[in-house]
Amino acid sequence: MDDNKITLITDDGKEELATILFTHEANGKSYVVFELEETGNISAAIYIEGTDGEGRLEDIETDEEWEMLDNILDDYFAELDDEEFDEEDED
C-alpha cells in the first residue's frame, strides 16, 4: 500500500480507503487531513501513535481545531492551483 493511503473503519464496520493530503503538527497534536476515495469527501482526525508503532485516529472535537485545519486546507488548495498555473506557463 502507498505511504499516503490509509484504511479507515467506519462506525458501521465498513472499510474505506483514503488518501492522506497532508499532516500538520500543532498544539502538541498530530493532525491528518485525508480524502475518502469512494466519495471524494475531505475530512481530518487527530493521529495518536501507539506504543507498538501502530497508530489510531481520534475525532477532532473543537471548533477551533476545525477552523485551523480549514484555513490550512484552503492554503493547500491555493498552492495546488498555483502549481498548476505555473506548469501551464511552462508549456
Protein backbone atom coordinates (compact mmCIF):
# COMPACT_ATOMS: atom_id res chain seq x y z
CA MET A 1 0.00 0.00 0.00
CA ASP A 2 1.17 3.54 -0.71
CA ASP A 3 2.53 5.51 2.23
CA ASN A 4 -0.09 8.17 1.59
CA LYS A 5 -3.04 5.73 1.77
CA ILE A 6 -4.89 4.69 4.90
CA THR A 7 -7.77 2.34 5.55
CA LEU A 8 -10.44 3.72 7.83
CA ILE A 9 -13.04 1.67 9.68
CA THR A 10 -16.39 3.47 9.81
CA ASP A 11 -18.81 3.35 12.73
CA ASP A 12 -20.76 0.62 10.94
CA GLY A 13 -17.62 -1.52 10.47
CA LYS A 14 -17.14 -0.77 6.76
CA GLU A 15 -13.60 -0.23 5.47
CA GLU A 16 -12.89 2.90 3.44
CA LEU A 17 -9.69 3.74 1.61
CA ALA A 18 -8.44 7.33 1.93
CA THR A 19 -5.56 9.34 0.54
CA ILE A 20 -3.64 11.47 3.01
CA LEU A 21 -3.46 15.01 1.65
CA PHE A 22 -1.16 16.34 4.37
CA THR A 23 -0.31 16.18 8.04
CA HIS A 24 0.04 19.07 10.45
CA GLU A 25 1.53 19.43 13.92
CA ALA A 26 0.01 22.00 16.29
CA ASN A 27 -0.93 22.35 19.94
CA GLY A 28 1.05 19.21 20.77
CA LYS A 29 -1.14 17.14 18.44
CA SER A 30 -0.63 15.48 15.08
CA TYR A 31 -3.43 16.04 12.58
CA VAL A 32 -4.02 14.14 9.36
CA VAL A 33 -6.20 15.52 6.56
CA PHE A 34 -7.45 12.96 4.08
CA GLU A 35 -9.76 12.44 1.11
CA LEU A 36 -12.07 9.42 1.02
CA GLU A 37 -11.56 7.62 -2.28
CA GLU A 38 -15.14 6.41 -2.70
CA THR A 39 -16.89 9.75 -2.12
CA GLY A 40 -14.17 12.37 -2.55
CA ASN A 41 -15.14 13.86 0.82
CA ILE A 42 -12.34 15.51 2.75
CA SER A 43 -12.02 15.09 6.49
CA ALA A 44 -9.44 15.20 9.25
CA ALA A 45 -8.58 13.47 12.50
CA ILE A 46 -6.03 13.53 15.27
CA TYR A 47 -3.33 10.88 14.89
CA ILE A 48 -2.28 9.14 18.10
CA GLU A 49 0.81 6.93 17.83
CA GLY A 50 0.66 3.77 19.90
CA THR A 51 3.48 2.19 21.86
CA ASP A 52 3.60 -0.67 19.35
CA GLY A 53 4.30 1.69 16.43
CA GLU A 54 0.75 1.40 15.18
CA GLY A 55 -1.40 4.49 15.31
CA ARG A 56 -5.06 5.31 15.60
CA LEU A 57 -7.23 8.24 14.61
CA GLU A 58 -9.43 10.16 17.01
CA ASP A 59 -12.19 12.63 16.23
CA ILE A 60 -11.49 16.34 16.28
CA GLU A 61 -13.82 17.82 18.84
CA THR A 62 -13.27 21.58 18.95
CA ASP A 63 -14.42 24.25 16.52
CA GLU A 64 -11.05 25.96 16.88
CA GLU A 65 -9.21 22.89 15.59
CA TRP A 66 -11.61 22.55 12.64
CA GLU A 67 -11.20 26.24 11.79
CA MET A 68 -7.40 25.92 11.91
CA LEU A 69 -7.48 22.91 9.59
CA ASP A 70 -9.98 24.59 7.24
CA ASN A 71 -7.58 27.53 6.86
CA ILE A 72 -4.65 25.20 6.21
CA LEU A 73 -6.73 23.25 3.68
CA ASP A 74 -7.60 26.50 1.87
CA ASP A 75 -3.87 27.30 1.67
CA TYR A 76 -3.16 23.75 0.46
CA PHE A 77 -5.64 24.05 -2.43
CA ALA A 78 -4.41 27.56 -3.29
CA GLU A 79 -0.86 26.21 -3.50
CA LEU A 80 -2.02 23.38 -5.78
CA ASP A 81 -3.75 25.91 -8.04
CA ASP A 82 -0.56 28.00 -8.17
CA GLU A 83 1.48 24.92 -9.13
CA GLU A 84 -0.97 24.07 -11.93
CA PHE A 85 -0.83 27.67 -13.19
CA ASP A 86 2.99 27.59 -13.15
CA GLU A 87 3.01 24.31 -15.12
CA GLU A 88 0.68 25.83 -17.74
CA ASP A 89 3.05 28.79 -18.12
CA GLU A 90 5.94 26.41 -18.84
CA ASP A 91 4.08 24.79 -21.77
